[in-house]
Amino acid sequence: MLALSTVYVYPKIPKVSAFRSYQQALDFFASFPVSTRS
C-alpha cells in the first residue's frame, strides 16, 4: 500500500517544484521596472 502510494505521488513532485520555480521566476522578472525589459 505504501509503495503504491509512493509510486503514485512521486512523479507529481518534480512538476510541482518546477511550477513553483516558474512562479518565482515570473515574480522575479515582474519585480523589475518595465523600462529594463527588452
Protein backbone atom coordinates (compact mmCIF):
# COMPACT_ATOMS: atom_id res chain seq x y z
CA MET A 1 0.00 0.00 0.00
CA LEU A 2 2.76 2.42 0.95
CA ALA A 3 4.80 1.55 -2.14
CA LEU A 4 1.76 2.02 -4.37
CA SER A 5 1.05 5.47 -2.96
CA THR A 6 4.73 6.39 -3.32
CA VAL A 7 4.70 5.41 -6.99
CA TYR A 8 1.53 7.45 -7.45
CA VAL A 9 2.73 10.58 -5.67
CA TYR A 10 6.42 10.76 -6.57
CA PRO A 11 6.08 11.61 -10.31
CA LYS A 12 3.98 14.66 -9.38
CA ILE A 13 6.63 16.20 -7.10
CA PRO A 14 9.02 17.43 -9.84
CA LYS A 15 6.09 19.03 -11.68
CA VAL A 16 5.03 20.95 -8.57
CA SER A 17 8.57 22.13 -7.83
CA ALA A 18 9.04 23.17 -11.46
CA PHE A 19 5.77 25.09 -11.35
CA ARG A 20 6.84 26.84 -8.14
CA SER A 21 10.22 27.80 -9.61
CA TYR A 22 8.38 29.08 -12.70
CA GLN A 23 6.14 31.22 -10.49
CA GLN A 24 9.20 32.53 -8.63
CA ALA A 25 10.82 33.42 -11.95
CA LEU A 26 7.70 35.34 -13.01
CA ASP A 27 7.68 37.23 -9.71
CA PHE A 28 11.41 37.93 -10.09
CA PHE A 29 11.05 39.39 -13.58
CA ALA A 30 7.88 41.24 -12.60
CA SER A 31 9.82 42.99 -9.84
CA PHE A 32 11.96 44.77 -12.44
CA PRO A 33 10.84 48.12 -13.84
CA VAL A 34 9.15 47.88 -17.22
CA SER A 35 11.87 50.10 -18.76
CA THR A 36 14.54 47.40 -18.18
CA ARG A 37 12.65 44.81 -20.22
CA SER A 38 13.87 44.26 -23.77
